[in-house]
Every structure is written in structure tokens, then in C-alpha cells.
Protein backbone atom coordinates (compact mmCIF):
# COMPACT_ATOMS: atom_id res chain seq x y z
CA UNK A 1 0.07 -0.03 -0.15
CA UNK A 2 1.23 3.36 -0.90
CA UNK A 3 -0.58 6.54 0.68
CA UNK A 4 1.14 9.60 0.36
CA UNK A 5 1.37 11.63 3.57
CA UNK A 6 -0.90 14.75 2.82
CA UNK A 7 -3.56 12.27 1.95
CA UNK A 8 -6.94 12.25 4.17
CA UNK A 9 -8.44 9.13 5.08
CA UNK A 10 -11.59 9.24 7.27
CA UNK A 11 -12.29 6.85 9.70
CA UNK A 12 -14.84 4.23 8.41
CA UNK A 13 -13.60 3.81 4.83
CA UNK A 14 -12.62 0.52 3.56
CA UNK A 15 -9.22 0.24 1.66
CA UNK A 16 -8.28 -2.79 -0.57
CA UNK A 17 -4.67 -4.10 -0.71
CA UNK A 18 -1.83 -2.75 -2.83
CA UNK A 19 -4.12 0.24 -3.46
CA UNK A 20 -2.27 3.73 -4.19
CA UNK A 21 -3.27 7.38 -3.04
CA UNK A 22 -1.82 10.42 -4.28
CA UNK A 23 -1.25 13.81 -2.47
CA UNK A 24 -3.82 15.62 -1.05
CA UNK A 25 -6.67 13.25 -2.04
CA UNK A 26 -9.73 13.00 0.22
CA UNK A 27 -11.02 9.69 0.98
CA UNK A 28 -14.32 9.90 3.40
CA UNK A 29 -16.09 7.64 5.65
CA UNK A 30 -18.21 4.90 3.73
CA UNK A 31 -16.11 4.79 0.77
CA UNK A 32 -15.02 1.57 -0.49
CA UNK A 33 -11.57 1.33 -2.69
CA UNK A 34 -10.96 -2.17 -4.34
CA UNK A 35 -7.84 -3.81 -4.52
CA UNK A 36 -5.05 -2.68 -6.68
CA UNK A 37 -6.47 0.75 -7.10
CA UNK A 38 -4.77 3.64 -8.25
CA UNK A 39 -6.00 7.15 -6.71
CA UNK A 40 -4.05 10.33 -8.37
CA UNK A 41 -3.36 13.60 -6.55
CA UNK A 42 -6.30 16.04 -5.42
CA UNK A 43 -8.99 13.15 -6.02
CA UNK A 44 -12.20 13.32 -3.58
CA UNK A 45 -14.05 10.22 -2.69
CA UNK A 46 -17.27 10.84 -1.08
CA UNK A 47 -19.40 8.93 1.19
CA UNK A 48 -21.25 5.98 -0.57
CA UNK A 49 -18.44 5.37 -3.32
CA UNK A 50 -17.63 2.24 -4.12
CA UNK A 51 -14.65 1.35 -6.64
CA UNK A 52 -14.24 -2.02 -7.84
CA UNK A 53 -10.60 -3.57 -8.17
CA UNK A 54 -7.52 -2.21 -10.43
CA UNK A 55 -9.19 1.25 -11.13
CA UNK A 56 -7.44 4.47 -12.00
CA UNK A 57 -8.73 7.57 -10.62
CA UNK A 58 -6.67 10.56 -12.16
CA UNK A 59 -5.80 13.93 -10.60
CA UNK A 60 -8.78 16.17 -9.44
CA UNK A 61 -11.78 13.45 -10.06
CA UNK A 62 -14.77 13.86 -7.69
CA UNK A 63 -16.89 10.98 -7.00
CA UNK A 64 -19.76 10.43 -4.98
CA UNK A 65 -20.83 14.26 -4.58
CA UNK A 66 -24.54 15.34 -4.18
CA UNK A 67 -26.60 15.07 -7.22
CA UNK A 68 -27.33 18.50 -9.04
CA UNK A 69 -31.45 18.02 -8.36
CA UNK A 70 -33.27 20.72 -6.62
CA UNK A 71 -35.56 17.87 -5.27
CA UNK A 72 -32.81 16.28 -3.15
CA UNK A 73 -33.13 15.65 0.54
CA UNK A 74 -30.28 13.99 2.36
CA UNK A 75 -31.00 10.12 1.84
CA UNK A 76 -28.20 7.08 1.43
CA UNK A 77 -27.74 6.57 -2.29
CA UNK A 78 -24.38 5.35 -4.14
CA UNK A 79 -21.69 5.63 -6.81
CA UNK A 80 -20.70 2.35 -7.78
CA UNK A 81 -17.73 1.95 -10.01
CA UNK A 82 -16.84 -1.35 -11.66
CA UNK A 83 -13.52 -3.09 -11.89
CA UNK A 84 -10.74 -1.98 -14.26
CA UNK A 85 -12.46 1.69 -14.99
CA UNK A 86 -10.12 4.50 -15.90
CA UNK A 87 -11.49 7.99 -15.23
CA UNK A 88 -9.12 10.85 -16.38
CA UNK A 89 -8.56 14.23 -14.85
CA UNK A 90 -11.44 15.94 -13.34
CA UNK A 91 -14.19 13.39 -14.11
CA UNK A 92 -17.40 14.18 -11.50
CA UNK A 93 -19.76 11.49 -11.22
CA UNK A 94 -22.75 12.19 -8.90
CA UNK A 95 -24.75 9.90 -6.84
CA UNK A 96 -28.34 8.65 -7.16
CA UNK A 97 -31.01 11.31 -6.02
CA UNK A 98 -33.71 9.03 -4.71
CA UNK A 99 -32.91 6.73 -1.52
CA UNK A 100 -31.37 3.32 -2.06
CA UNK A 101 -30.49 4.31 -5.74
CA UNK A 102 -27.09 4.66 -7.84
CA UNK A 103 -24.85 5.77 -10.47
CA UNK A 104 -23.33 3.08 -11.91
CA UNK A 105 -20.52 2.62 -14.30
CA UNK A 106 -19.69 -0.85 -15.69
CA UNK A 107 -16.04 -2.83 -16.16
CA UNK A 108 -13.77 -1.85 -18.09
CA UNK A 109 -15.20 1.74 -18.93
CA UNK A 110 -12.80 4.65 -19.83
CA UNK A 111 -13.76 8.39 -18.90
CA UNK A 112 -11.31 10.76 -20.62
CA UNK A 113 -10.79 14.07 -18.83
CA UNK A 114 -13.90 16.41 -17.36
CA UNK A 115 -16.45 14.13 -18.38
CA UNK A 116 -19.69 14.17 -16.01
CA UNK A 117 -22.38 11.58 -15.29
CA UNK A 118 -25.20 13.17 -13.30
CA UNK A 119 -27.40 11.34 -10.96
CA UNK A 120 -28.71 7.70 -11.75
CA UNK A 121 -26.80 7.45 -14.74
CA UNK A 122 -26.17 3.69 -15.57
CA UNK A 123 -23.06 2.68 -18.06
CA UNK A 124 -22.58 -0.71 -19.37
CA UNK A 125 -19.51 -2.39 -19.31
CA UNK A 126 -16.20 -1.35 -21.79
CA UNK A 127 -18.12 2.19 -22.69
CA UNK A 128 -15.75 5.10 -23.68
CA UNK A 129 -16.69 8.85 -23.15
CA UNK A 130 -14.33 11.27 -24.78
CA UNK A 131 -13.36 14.27 -23.17
CA UNK A 132 -16.02 16.59 -21.65
CA UNK A 133 -18.89 14.08 -22.49
CA UNK A 134 -21.80 15.13 -20.41
CA UNK A 135 -24.80 12.95 -19.32
CA UNK A 136 -27.81 14.10 -17.78
CA UNK A 137 -29.81 12.36 -14.76
CA UNK A 138 -31.22 8.58 -15.58
CA UNK A 139 -29.17 8.30 -18.91
CA UNK A 140 -28.27 4.61 -19.86
CA UNK A 141 -25.77 3.78 -22.05
CA UNK A 142 -25.09 0.35 -23.50
CA UNK A 143 -22.30 -2.06 -23.43
CA UNK A 144 -19.20 -0.87 -25.87
CA UNK A 145 -20.83 2.43 -26.73
CA UNK A 146 -18.57 5.72 -27.78
CA UNK A 147 -19.39 8.91 -26.89
CA UNK A 148 -17.36 11.31 -28.52
CA UNK A 149 -15.79 14.52 -27.29
CA UNK A 150 -18.21 17.33 -25.59
CA UNK A 151 -21.20 15.62 -26.31
CA UNK A 152 -24.34 16.58 -24.62
CA UNK A 153 -27.02 13.88 -23.55
CA UNK A 154 -30.24 14.90 -22.28
CA UNK A 155 -31.67 13.37 -19.17
CA UNK A 156 -33.82 10.07 -19.24
CA UNK A 157 -31.89 9.01 -22.96
CA UNK A 158 -31.05 5.52 -23.85
CA UNK A 159 -27.99 4.86 -26.03
CA UNK A 160 -27.81 1.25 -27.18
CA UNK A 161 -25.25 -1.18 -27.66
CA UNK A 162 -22.13 -0.42 -29.57
CA UNK A 163 -23.63 2.74 -30.63
CA UNK A 164 -21.25 5.82 -31.60
CA UNK A 165 -22.29 9.37 -31.03
CA UNK A 166 -20.23 12.16 -32.89
CA UNK A 167 -18.61 14.95 -31.39
CA UNK A 168 -20.14 18.20 -30.31
CA UNK A 169 -23.74 16.57 -30.77
CA UNK A 170 -26.96 17.19 -28.70
CA UNK A 171 -28.86 14.03 -28.10
CA UNK A 172 -32.49 14.07 -26.61
CA UNK A 173 -33.99 11.23 -28.00
CA UNK A 174 -32.95 7.39 -27.99
CA UNK A 175 -29.58 6.34 -29.95
CA UNK A 176 -30.65 2.62 -31.41
CA UNK A 177 -27.85 -0.01 -30.65
CA UNK A 178 -25.11 -0.06 -33.58
CA UNK A 179 -26.18 3.04 -34.90
CA UNK A 180 -23.77 6.35 -35.33
CA UNK A 181 -25.20 9.82 -34.85
CA UNK A 182 -23.84 12.89 -36.90
CA UNK A 183 -21.31 15.35 -35.29
CA UNK A 184 -22.45 18.49 -34.93
CA UNK A 185 -26.00 17.38 -35.12
CA UNK A 186 -29.24 16.95 -33.04
CA UNK A 187 -30.61 13.85 -32.67
CA UNK A 188 -30.03 12.59 -36.33
CA UNK A 189 -28.55 9.11 -37.25
CA UNK A 190 -26.10 8.98 -39.56
CA UNK A 191 -25.43 5.00 -40.23
CA UNK A 192 -24.40 1.72 -38.65
CA UNK A 193 -21.29 1.68 -36.67
CA UNK A 194 -19.75 -1.09 -39.12
CA UNK A 195 -16.23 -0.42 -37.83
CA UNK A 196 -17.57 -1.24 -34.26
CA UNK A 197 -19.29 -4.48 -35.42
CA UNK A 198 -16.16 -5.87 -37.01
CA UNK A 199 -14.19 -5.34 -33.93
CA UNK A 200 -16.53 -6.90 -31.60
CA UNK A 201 -16.69 -9.89 -33.39
CA UNK A 202 -19.90 -9.89 -35.12
CA UNK A 203 -20.20 -12.39 -37.91
CA UNK A 204 -20.90 -11.26 -41.66
CA UNK A 205 -24.07 -12.97 -41.38
CA UNK A 206 -24.98 -10.97 -38.27
CA UNK A 207 -23.77 -7.57 -39.77
CA UNK A 208 -25.85 -8.33 -42.70
CA UNK A 209 -28.91 -8.84 -40.64
CA UNK A 210 -28.38 -5.60 -38.38
CA UNK A 211 -27.94 -3.73 -42.01
CA UNK A 212 -31.13 -5.17 -43.15
CA UNK A 213 -32.99 -4.37 -39.75
CA UNK A 214 -31.75 -0.84 -39.87
CA UNK A 215 -33.01 -0.11 -43.26
CA UNK A 216 -36.24 -1.60 -42.41
CA UNK A 217 -36.29 1.13 -39.70
CA UNK A 218 -35.00 3.77 -41.45
CA UNK A 219 -35.44 3.44 -44.89
CA UNK A 220 -38.73 1.21 -45.44
CA UNK A 221 -41.38 4.02 -45.25
CA UNK A 222 -43.00 2.73 -42.41
CA UNK A 223 -43.60 4.58 -38.98
CA UNK A 224 -42.07 3.58 -35.96
CA UNK A 225 -44.71 0.58 -35.14
CA UNK A 226 -45.44 -0.58 -38.38
CA UNK A 227 -41.33 -1.18 -39.00
CA UNK A 228 -41.05 -2.67 -35.33
CA UNK A 229 -43.69 -5.56 -36.24
CA UNK A 230 -42.07 -6.23 -39.25
CA UNK A 231 -38.57 -6.76 -37.71
CA UNK A 232 -39.99 -8.62 -35.01
CA UNK A 233 -41.26 -11.30 -37.72
CA UNK A 234 -37.83 -10.87 -39.76
CA UNK A 235 -35.65 -11.00 -36.76
CA UNK A 236 -36.86 -13.26 -34.08
CA UNK A 237 -33.14 -13.49 -32.77
CA UNK A 238 -29.83 -12.35 -32.91
CA UNK A 239 -28.21 -9.38 -32.80
CA UNK A 240 -30.65 -7.74 -35.16
CA UNK A 241 -33.85 -8.38 -32.84
CA UNK A 242 -32.07 -6.26 -30.30
CA UNK A 243 -33.84 -3.14 -32.34
CA UNK A 244 -37.10 -4.46 -31.65
CA UNK A 245 -36.06 -4.75 -27.48
CA UNK A 246 -34.49 -1.35 -27.47
CA UNK A 247 -37.61 0.45 -29.06
CA UNK A 248 -40.09 -1.33 -27.07
CA UNK A 249 -38.02 0.20 -23.87
CA UNK A 250 -37.74 3.67 -25.35
CA UNK A 251 -39.79 6.27 -23.96
CA UNK A 252 -38.51 9.44 -25.47
CA UNK A 253 -38.56 8.55 -28.88
CA UNK A 254 -35.84 7.56 -31.60
CA UNK A 255 -33.30 10.01 -33.37
CA UNK A 256 -34.21 10.34 -36.93
CA UNK A 257 -32.19 9.66 -39.89
CA UNK A 258 -29.90 12.87 -40.70
CA UNK A 259 -27.97 12.96 -44.25
CA UNK A 260 -28.63 10.36 -46.62
CA UNK A 261 -26.60 7.32 -45.72
CA UNK A 262 -25.94 4.05 -47.93
CA UNK A 263 -26.59 1.72 -44.91
């Protein structure tokens, strides 16, 4: 264990083995730090924050502060960070706003500098947020999604698995799985994340089904209800069926198609 003499550890925090704690960092009572974590300088870990093993938290990050919610009253809520996550400089993650709720970051996530997760955000596994990404309350992001720099995600929005959100864009509607959004745009789908699908190991047959499902959803001239009925019949299983499950869960509606795409 390597703890700098200037670090502050309150009575009641729980420290794993082989951790590192940098200069002037503060660990409050009720914090749990997993084995092998590396905590940089000037990091603040507030009550009810839990870090999984082998996380790296860089300088100036603040985890577990009170939610920016005018209706918040003092309750026990949490921040839960999974295993092997990297949170870069000045990342802020706020805890849940209701009793017993949490803001949750899955395993192997990478949050670049100055990202913000508001209360009750849920990130899946292997999610990447580029610098300055801002996520409002109750946003959900699927596994292996990529959010580019300085994107703003409205509260309650869902981002599907392996989706890619373009840089400097604003998103206030749901982004279906496997899709990309236009950079510098508002709620506009650009096409499919074809590179991400290949890197994720999807077979040519699975990628073809996803392409067909995308065309049915965005290029058939059907409304969303009609497209879902067709998709349910045509793709009862496999990755392409995720479009149906995602749309049925949507409460904010889907991002629309932007510029013409060959997908």
C-alpha cells in the first residue's frame, strides 16, 4: 500500500490491498476502494462511493458528490464503479437522487478528462466517453458504446449497445444499438457503426442482418410501430432483434435519419 502523507483518510473508509493514494486526496467515511486501485492527486471520494478492483482515478476527479437536483433531500444513495475502470482528470460522478439508488459505471470503462455523469446514470461495460461528455440524470448507455468529445446527452435518454455518438452533438432522443449519430448535429442518425461491429467480432451474417434491420427501420417508409412489427417477424433472434427490444423500452422516441446514408 502506497499512501502519500498529505492524503486524508476518514475513519470508516475501507481500503483494499495494494492501493495507491496520491497527494492531497481525500477519502471520506463510507468509501470502499477495491484491491489494486490507483488514486491520483487531489481526488475526492465522498461517502457511499465504491470502486471495483484495479481502477485508476486521475487527478482532480470527484466521485460521489450530491446530485445537482433541486428536489434532492439527504438520503443514502451511491456511486458504484466497476472493475478496471479509468477515470481521467476532473471527471465528476454524482450519486443517485433517491433513497437506495445509484449511479453505476460498468467494468472496463474509460471516461476521459472533464466528463460528467449526473445522478442515476447507468453505463454498461467497456463504454468509452471522450473528453467533456456530459450525461444528464437517468441516462443509460449500452455496452461498448462510444460517446465522442463534448457531446451532451439529455436526461432519461438511452444509448444502445455499440452505438457511437458524434462529437459536439446534442442528443435528446434515444440512439438505437449499433447506430452512429452525426457530429455537430441534434438527434440525427448517420448510419451504422460498421467498424465497431467488426471489432466486436460480429459475423458477416450478423452484420448483414443488422444492416437489413436498419434499412427496415429507417429506409422502408414505415412508421416506427409498423417497422417494429416487421422487425419482430423478420429477426426473431440474434443481434438484429435488439432493435425491437430497444424500441419497445424507449420513452423519448428515436433519433431520426440525418443526411443520406448508404447503410
